[in-house]
Amino acid sequence: MIELESRIEGQHYQLYKLEQLLKPLGYTIGGNWEYDHGCFDYKIDDEVGYQFLRLPFTSIDGQLDARGATVKLGKPYLLSHKYQRGLDDHANIFNVSASFNQFQEPVDKDASFPEEYISVGKELVKELEEVLLD
């Protein structure tokens, strides 16, 4: 995991409006959200595992599934997950994330992040700042 400095950290947004701004840019709400926190993910690459820019957020007024929920943005970071090839016989098919990882258990959930994508992540953070702050 590589944290990236950003002016968006600490900013507050209505979750619905934030989704409307970020989805057209390619962000999705990650499958690990809870009622009080979650994250937007931008998949940078999936050549060997998955490399993401992740934008975490926490609820500041109620639960995330409530209408008009407001969230506070955390520090964006780069994350890499490496998965086994093929299907995993021991994966939990009832898990919401099963559709994301195609029934594969991660080989390395916190894999090292490829150097060539760090600059891509920094550019994505600049784009977020332009869209959310300017």
N, C-alpha and C. Protein backbone atom coordinates (compact mmCIF):
# COMPACT_ATOMS: atom_id res chain seq x y z
N MET A 1 0.84 -1.18 0.00
CA MET A 1 0.00 0.00 0.00
C MET A 1 0.89 1.24 0.00
N ILE A 2 0.54 2.20 -0.87
CA ILE A 2 1.29 3.45 -0.96
C ILE A 2 0.30 4.59 -0.81
N GLU A 3 0.41 5.34 0.30
CA GLU A 3 -0.47 6.49 0.51
C GLU A 3 -0.02 7.65 -0.35
N LEU A 4 -1.00 8.41 -0.86
CA LEU A 4 -0.71 9.57 -1.70
C LEU A 4 -1.31 10.82 -1.07
N GLU A 5 -0.50 11.84 -0.96
CA GLU A 5 -0.98 13.11 -0.41
C GLU A 5 -2.01 13.72 -1.36
N SER A 6 -3.05 14.33 -0.78
CA SER A 6 -4.07 14.95 -1.60
C SER A 6 -4.85 16.01 -0.82
N ARG A 7 -5.28 17.03 -1.55
CA ARG A 7 -6.10 18.09 -0.95
C ARG A 7 -7.54 17.62 -0.72
N ILE A 8 -7.93 16.47 -1.25
CA ILE A 8 -9.30 16.00 -1.04
C ILE A 8 -9.49 15.32 0.31
N GLU A 9 -8.39 14.93 0.93
CA GLU A 9 -8.48 14.28 2.24
C GLU A 9 -9.18 15.21 3.23
N GLY A 10 -10.18 14.67 3.91
CA GLY A 10 -10.92 15.45 4.91
C GLY A 10 -12.12 16.20 4.36
N GLN A 11 -12.29 16.23 3.04
CA GLN A 11 -13.43 16.92 2.43
C GLN A 11 -14.72 16.13 2.65
N HIS A 12 -15.85 16.85 2.75
CA HIS A 12 -17.15 16.22 2.97
C HIS A 12 -18.01 16.33 1.72
N TYR A 13 -18.72 15.23 1.40
CA TYR A 13 -19.61 15.20 0.24
C TYR A 13 -20.81 14.32 0.55
N GLN A 14 -21.93 14.63 -0.09
CA GLN A 14 -23.04 13.69 -0.05
C GLN A 14 -22.61 12.48 -0.90
N LEU A 15 -22.82 11.30 -0.36
CA LEU A 15 -22.35 10.09 -1.04
C LEU A 15 -22.96 9.97 -2.44
N TYR A 16 -24.23 10.27 -2.57
CA TYR A 16 -24.88 10.16 -3.88
C TYR A 16 -24.22 11.08 -4.90
N LYS A 17 -23.95 12.34 -4.50
CA LYS A 17 -23.32 13.29 -5.42
C LYS A 17 -21.89 12.87 -5.75
N LEU A 18 -21.20 12.32 -4.77
CA LEU A 18 -19.85 11.85 -4.99
C LEU A 18 -19.84 10.71 -6.01
N GLU A 19 -20.79 9.79 -5.87
CA GLU A 19 -20.92 8.70 -6.85
C GLU A 19 -21.16 9.25 -8.26
N GLN A 20 -22.02 10.25 -8.37
CA GLN A 20 -22.34 10.83 -9.67
C GLN A 20 -21.11 11.47 -10.32
N LEU A 21 -20.21 11.99 -9.51
CA LEU A 21 -18.98 12.60 -10.04
C LEU A 21 -17.91 11.56 -10.40
N LEU A 22 -17.81 10.50 -9.59
CA LEU A 22 -16.71 9.55 -9.76
C LEU A 22 -17.00 8.39 -10.70
N LYS A 23 -18.22 7.95 -10.79
CA LYS A 23 -18.53 6.81 -11.67
C LYS A 23 -18.19 7.09 -13.13
N PRO A 24 -18.49 8.27 -13.68
CA PRO A 24 -18.11 8.53 -15.08
C PRO A 24 -16.59 8.51 -15.31
N LEU A 25 -15.80 8.70 -14.24
CA LEU A 25 -14.35 8.66 -14.35
C LEU A 25 -13.80 7.24 -14.28
N GLY A 26 -14.67 6.27 -13.95
CA GLY A 26 -14.23 4.89 -13.88
C GLY A 26 -14.14 4.32 -12.48
N TYR A 27 -14.61 5.05 -11.47
CA TYR A 27 -14.55 4.56 -10.10
C TYR A 27 -15.79 3.74 -9.77
N THR A 28 -15.60 2.74 -8.94
CA THR A 28 -16.70 1.94 -8.42
C THR A 28 -16.59 1.89 -6.91
N ILE A 29 -17.73 1.70 -6.25
CA ILE A 29 -17.68 1.52 -4.80
C ILE A 29 -17.21 0.10 -4.55
N GLY A 30 -16.12 -0.01 -3.80
CA GLY A 30 -15.54 -1.31 -3.52
C GLY A 30 -16.50 -2.21 -2.75
N GLY A 31 -16.35 -3.51 -2.92
CA GLY A 31 -17.23 -4.49 -2.30
C GLY A 31 -17.07 -4.62 -0.81
N ASN A 32 -16.09 -3.99 -0.21
CA ASN A 32 -15.85 -4.11 1.22
C ASN A 32 -16.52 -3.03 2.05
N TRP A 33 -17.53 -2.35 1.55
CA TRP A 33 -18.11 -1.27 2.32
C TRP A 33 -18.93 -1.82 3.49
N GLU A 34 -19.00 -1.04 4.53
CA GLU A 34 -19.84 -1.32 5.70
C GLU A 34 -20.83 -0.18 5.81
N TYR A 35 -21.61 -0.16 6.85
CA TYR A 35 -22.61 0.91 7.00
C TYR A 35 -22.00 2.24 7.41
N ASP A 36 -20.75 2.21 7.89
CA ASP A 36 -20.13 3.46 8.35
C ASP A 36 -18.88 3.84 7.57
N HIS A 37 -18.42 2.99 6.66
CA HIS A 37 -17.23 3.32 5.87
C HIS A 37 -17.20 2.47 4.59
N GLY A 38 -16.40 2.93 3.64
CA GLY A 38 -16.25 2.22 2.39
C GLY A 38 -15.14 2.86 1.57
N CYS A 39 -15.12 2.56 0.28
CA CYS A 39 -14.10 3.15 -0.57
C CYS A 39 -14.55 3.11 -2.03
N PHE A 40 -14.01 4.05 -2.78
CA PHE A 40 -14.13 4.03 -4.23
C PHE A 40 -12.83 3.45 -4.76
N ASP A 41 -12.94 2.58 -5.76
CA ASP A 41 -11.76 1.98 -6.37
C ASP A 41 -11.70 2.33 -7.84
N TYR A 42 -10.48 2.61 -8.30
CA TYR A 42 -10.21 2.80 -9.72
C TYR A 42 -9.20 1.73 -10.10
N LYS A 43 -9.60 0.81 -10.98
CA LYS A 43 -8.68 -0.26 -11.39
C LYS A 43 -7.70 0.30 -12.42
N ILE A 44 -6.43 0.31 -12.04
CA ILE A 44 -5.37 0.81 -12.92
C ILE A 44 -4.94 -0.27 -13.90
N ASP A 45 -4.81 -1.51 -13.40
CA ASP A 45 -4.35 -2.59 -14.26
C ASP A 45 -4.77 -3.92 -13.66
N ASP A 46 -4.84 -4.94 -14.50
CA ASP A 46 -5.15 -6.28 -14.01
C ASP A 46 -4.30 -7.35 -14.71
N GLU A 47 -3.11 -6.95 -15.12
CA GLU A 47 -2.22 -7.87 -15.82
C GLU A 47 -1.76 -9.01 -14.91
N VAL A 48 -1.21 -8.69 -13.77
CA VAL A 48 -0.78 -9.67 -12.77
C VAL A 48 -1.45 -9.29 -11.47
N GLY A 49 -2.64 -9.83 -11.23
CA GLY A 49 -3.42 -9.39 -10.09
C GLY A 49 -4.14 -8.11 -10.46
N TYR A 50 -4.45 -7.31 -9.45
CA TYR A 50 -5.17 -6.05 -9.67
C TYR A 50 -4.43 -4.93 -8.97
N GLN A 51 -4.29 -3.79 -9.66
CA GLN A 51 -3.71 -2.60 -9.07
C GLN A 51 -4.79 -1.53 -9.05
N PHE A 52 -4.99 -0.92 -7.88
CA PHE A 52 -6.05 0.05 -7.70
C PHE A 52 -5.55 1.35 -7.10
N LEU A 53 -6.25 2.43 -7.44
CA LEU A 53 -6.21 3.63 -6.62
C LEU A 53 -7.47 3.51 -5.76
N ARG A 54 -7.31 3.57 -4.46
CA ARG A 54 -8.44 3.46 -3.55
C ARG A 54 -8.65 4.77 -2.82
N LEU A 55 -9.90 5.22 -2.79
CA LEU A 55 -10.29 6.44 -2.09
C LEU A 55 -11.24 6.06 -0.95
N PRO A 56 -10.73 5.98 0.28
CA PRO A 56 -11.58 5.59 1.40
C PRO A 56 -12.48 6.74 1.85
N PHE A 57 -13.61 6.39 2.46
CA PHE A 57 -14.50 7.39 3.03
C PHE A 57 -15.18 6.81 4.26
N THR A 58 -15.60 7.70 5.16
CA THR A 58 -16.35 7.32 6.35
C THR A 58 -17.60 8.17 6.44
N SER A 59 -18.64 7.59 6.98
CA SER A 59 -19.90 8.31 7.15
C SER A 59 -19.75 9.31 8.28
N ILE A 60 -20.29 10.50 8.10
CA ILE A 60 -20.26 11.48 9.18
C ILE A 60 -21.66 11.82 9.67
N ASP A 61 -22.70 11.27 9.02
CA ASP A 61 -24.06 11.50 9.51
C ASP A 61 -24.99 10.35 9.12
N GLY A 62 -24.91 9.29 9.85
CA GLY A 62 -25.79 8.16 9.58
C GLY A 62 -25.12 7.07 8.78
N GLN A 63 -25.93 6.12 8.36
CA GLN A 63 -25.42 4.96 7.63
C GLN A 63 -25.34 5.24 6.14
N LEU A 64 -24.41 4.57 5.48
CA LEU A 64 -24.17 4.81 4.06
C LEU A 64 -25.35 4.45 3.17
N ASP A 65 -26.19 3.55 3.62
CA ASP A 65 -27.34 3.17 2.79
C ASP A 65 -28.54 4.08 3.01
N ALA A 66 -28.39 5.11 3.84
CA ALA A 66 -29.48 6.05 4.09
C ALA A 66 -29.45 7.18 3.06
N ARG A 67 -30.62 7.64 2.67
CA ARG A 67 -30.72 8.75 1.72
C ARG A 67 -30.05 10.00 2.30
N GLY A 68 -29.24 10.66 1.48
CA GLY A 68 -28.59 11.89 1.89
C GLY A 68 -27.37 11.71 2.78
N ALA A 69 -26.83 10.50 2.87
CA ALA A 69 -25.65 10.25 3.71
C ALA A 69 -24.49 11.14 3.25
N THR A 70 -23.80 11.69 4.22
CA THR A 70 -22.63 12.52 3.95
C THR A 70 -21.39 11.77 4.42
N VAL A 71 -20.33 11.85 3.62
CA VAL A 71 -19.10 11.13 3.94
C VAL A 71 -17.92 12.09 3.97
N LYS A 72 -16.90 11.65 4.68
CA LYS A 72 -15.63 12.37 4.76
C LYS A 72 -14.59 11.52 4.04
N LEU A 73 -13.86 12.12 3.12
CA LEU A 73 -12.84 11.40 2.35
C LEU A 73 -11.56 11.20 3.16
N GLY A 74 -10.97 10.04 2.99
CA GLY A 74 -9.70 9.74 3.61
C GLY A 74 -8.56 9.98 2.63
N LYS A 75 -7.38 9.51 3.01
CA LYS A 75 -6.19 9.67 2.17
C LYS A 75 -6.20 8.59 1.08
N PRO A 76 -6.12 8.99 -0.19
CA PRO A 76 -6.07 7.99 -1.27
C PRO A 76 -4.79 7.18 -1.19
N TYR A 77 -4.88 5.93 -1.65
CA TYR A 77 -3.68 5.09 -1.66
C TYR A 77 -3.73 4.09 -2.80
N LEU A 78 -2.55 3.60 -3.16
CA LEU A 78 -2.40 2.60 -4.20
C LEU A 78 -2.32 1.24 -3.54
N LEU A 79 -2.99 0.27 -4.14
CA LEU A 79 -3.11 -1.06 -3.55
C LEU A 79 -3.00 -2.10 -4.65
N SER A 80 -2.34 -3.21 -4.33
CA SER A 80 -2.19 -4.29 -5.30
C SER A 80 -2.65 -5.59 -4.67
N HIS A 81 -3.48 -6.34 -5.39
CA HIS A 81 -3.91 -7.68 -4.98
C HIS A 81 -3.46 -8.67 -6.05
N LYS A 82 -2.85 -9.75 -5.63
CA LYS A 82 -2.49 -10.80 -6.58
C LYS A 82 -3.34 -12.02 -6.28
N TYR A 83 -3.94 -12.59 -7.33
CA TYR A 83 -4.80 -13.75 -7.19
C TYR A 83 -4.20 -14.95 -7.89
N GLN A 84 -4.59 -16.13 -7.40
CA GLN A 84 -4.16 -17.38 -8.03
C GLN A 84 -4.82 -17.49 -9.40
N ARG A 85 -4.22 -18.26 -10.24
CA ARG A 85 -4.84 -18.56 -11.53
C ARG A 85 -5.83 -19.70 -11.32
N GLY A 86 -6.94 -19.68 -12.07
CA GLY A 86 -7.93 -20.74 -11.97
C GLY A 86 -8.89 -20.50 -10.82
N LEU A 87 -9.74 -21.50 -10.56
CA LEU A 87 -10.73 -21.39 -9.50
C LEU A 87 -10.18 -21.96 -8.21
N ASP A 88 -10.65 -21.41 -7.10
CA ASP A 88 -10.25 -21.86 -5.78
C ASP A 88 -11.40 -22.67 -5.19
N ASP A 89 -11.14 -23.92 -4.88
CA ASP A 89 -12.19 -24.79 -4.34
C ASP A 89 -12.61 -24.40 -2.93
N HIS A 90 -11.81 -23.57 -2.24
CA HIS A 90 -12.10 -23.24 -0.86
C HIS A 90 -12.69 -21.84 -0.68
N ALA A 91 -12.96 -21.14 -1.74
CA ALA A 91 -13.50 -19.78 -1.64
C ALA A 91 -14.95 -19.83 -1.23
N ASN A 92 -15.39 -18.79 -0.57
CA ASN A 92 -16.76 -18.69 -0.09
C ASN A 92 -17.64 -18.09 -1.19
N ILE A 93 -18.50 -18.89 -1.80
CA ILE A 93 -19.30 -18.41 -2.92
C ILE A 93 -20.43 -17.51 -2.48
N PHE A 94 -20.71 -17.44 -1.18
CA PHE A 94 -21.78 -16.58 -0.70
C PHE A 94 -21.28 -15.19 -0.34
N ASN A 95 -20.01 -15.00 -0.39
CA ASN A 95 -19.40 -13.72 -0.08
C ASN A 95 -19.68 -12.73 -1.20
N VAL A 96 -20.04 -11.50 -0.84
CA VAL A 96 -20.33 -10.47 -1.84
C VAL A 96 -19.13 -10.25 -2.75
N SER A 97 -17.94 -10.37 -2.21
CA SER A 97 -16.75 -10.12 -3.02
C SER A 97 -16.46 -11.26 -3.98
N ALA A 98 -17.17 -12.37 -3.88
CA ALA A 98 -16.88 -13.50 -4.76
C ALA A 98 -17.01 -13.11 -6.23
N SER A 99 -17.97 -12.24 -6.55
CA SER A 99 -18.10 -11.83 -7.94
C SER A 99 -16.92 -10.98 -8.38
N PHE A 100 -16.30 -10.30 -7.43
CA PHE A 100 -15.15 -9.47 -7.74
C PHE A 100 -13.91 -10.32 -8.00
N ASN A 101 -13.65 -11.28 -7.13
CA ASN A 101 -12.42 -12.04 -7.27
C ASN A 101 -12.61 -13.36 -7.98
N GLN A 102 -13.79 -13.58 -8.54
CA GLN A 102 -14.08 -14.77 -9.34
C GLN A 102 -13.75 -16.05 -8.59
N PHE A 103 -14.13 -16.10 -7.30
CA PHE A 103 -13.98 -17.26 -6.44
C PHE A 103 -12.53 -17.61 -6.13
N GLN A 104 -11.65 -16.66 -6.24
CA GLN A 104 -10.25 -16.93 -5.96
C GLN A 104 -9.83 -16.26 -4.66
N GLU A 105 -9.15 -16.99 -3.83
CA GLU A 105 -8.57 -16.40 -2.63
C GLU A 105 -7.31 -15.65 -3.04
N PRO A 106 -7.04 -14.48 -2.44
CA PRO A 106 -5.83 -13.75 -2.81
C PRO A 106 -4.57 -14.52 -2.44
N VAL A 107 -3.60 -14.47 -3.32
CA VAL A 107 -2.29 -15.04 -3.01
C VAL A 107 -1.58 -14.06 -2.09
N ASP A 108 -1.70 -12.78 -2.39
CA ASP A 108 -1.04 -11.74 -1.60
C ASP A 108 -1.93 -10.51 -1.62
N LYS A 109 -2.67 -10.27 -0.52
CA LYS A 109 -3.60 -9.15 -0.45
C LYS A 109 -2.88 -7.80 -0.48
N ASP A 110 -1.68 -7.76 0.06
CA ASP A 110 -0.92 -6.51 0.10
C ASP A 110 0.36 -6.66 -0.71
N ALA A 111 0.19 -7.04 -1.95
CA ALA A 111 1.34 -7.23 -2.83
C ALA A 111 2.05 -5.91 -3.08
N SER A 112 3.33 -5.99 -3.40
CA SER A 112 4.06 -4.77 -3.72
C SER A 112 3.44 -4.13 -4.96
N PHE A 113 3.49 -2.82 -4.99
CA PHE A 113 2.85 -2.09 -6.08
C PHE A 113 3.88 -1.82 -7.17
N PRO A 114 3.55 -2.15 -8.43
CA PRO A 114 4.50 -1.94 -9.53
C PRO A 114 4.89 -0.46 -9.68
N GLU A 115 6.17 -0.22 -9.74
CA GLU A 115 6.71 1.15 -9.86
C GLU A 115 6.11 1.93 -11.02
N GLU A 116 5.87 1.26 -12.15
CA GLU A 116 5.41 1.97 -13.34
C GLU A 116 4.01 2.56 -13.18
N TYR A 117 3.27 2.11 -12.17
CA TYR A 117 1.91 2.62 -11.99
C TYR A 117 1.79 3.69 -10.89
N ILE A 118 2.87 3.96 -10.19
CA ILE A 118 2.82 4.98 -9.14
C ILE A 118 2.53 6.34 -9.75
N SER A 119 3.17 6.68 -10.86
CA SER A 119 2.91 7.96 -11.52
C SER A 119 1.48 8.03 -12.04
N VAL A 120 0.94 6.90 -12.49
CA VAL A 120 -0.46 6.86 -12.93
C VAL A 120 -1.37 7.19 -11.76
N GLY A 121 -1.09 6.60 -10.61
CA GLY A 121 -1.88 6.88 -9.41
C GLY A 121 -1.84 8.35 -9.02
N LYS A 122 -0.67 8.95 -9.11
CA LYS A 122 -0.53 10.38 -8.77
C LYS A 122 -1.33 11.24 -9.74
N GLU A 123 -1.33 10.89 -11.01
CA GLU A 123 -2.12 11.62 -12.00
C GLU A 123 -3.62 11.47 -11.73
N LEU A 124 -4.03 10.28 -11.32
CA LEU A 124 -5.44 10.05 -10.99
C LEU A 124 -5.87 10.89 -9.79
N VAL A 125 -4.97 11.05 -8.82
CA VAL A 125 -5.28 11.90 -7.66
C VAL A 125 -5.42 13.35 -8.10
N LYS A 126 -4.57 13.81 -9.00
CA LYS A 126 -4.70 15.18 -9.53
C LYS A 126 -6.04 15.36 -10.22
N GLU A 127 -6.45 14.36 -10.98
CA GLU A 127 -7.76 14.42 -11.65
C GLU A 127 -8.89 14.50 -10.61
N LEU A 128 -8.78 13.70 -9.54
CA LEU A 128 -9.79 13.77 -8.47
C LEU A 128 -9.86 15.18 -7.89
N GLU A 129 -8.70 15.76 -7.64
CA GLU A 129 -8.66 17.12 -7.07
C GLU A 129 -9.33 18.12 -8.01
N GLU A 130 -9.08 18.00 -9.30
CA GLU A 130 -9.69 18.90 -10.27
C GLU A 130 -11.20 18.75 -10.29
N VAL A 131 -11.68 17.51 -10.27
CA VAL A 131 -13.12 17.25 -10.34
C VAL A 131 -13.82 17.64 -9.03
N LEU A 132 -13.20 17.35 -7.91
CA LEU A 132 -13.88 17.55 -6.62
C LEU A 132 -13.64 18.92 -5.98
N LEU A 133 -12.55 19.57 -6.33
CA LEU A 133 -12.21 20.83 -5.64
C LEU A 133 -12.30 22.06 -6.53
N ASP A 134 -12.08 21.93 -7.80
CA ASP A 134 -12.02 23.13 -8.66
C ASP A 134 -13.34 23.43 -9.32
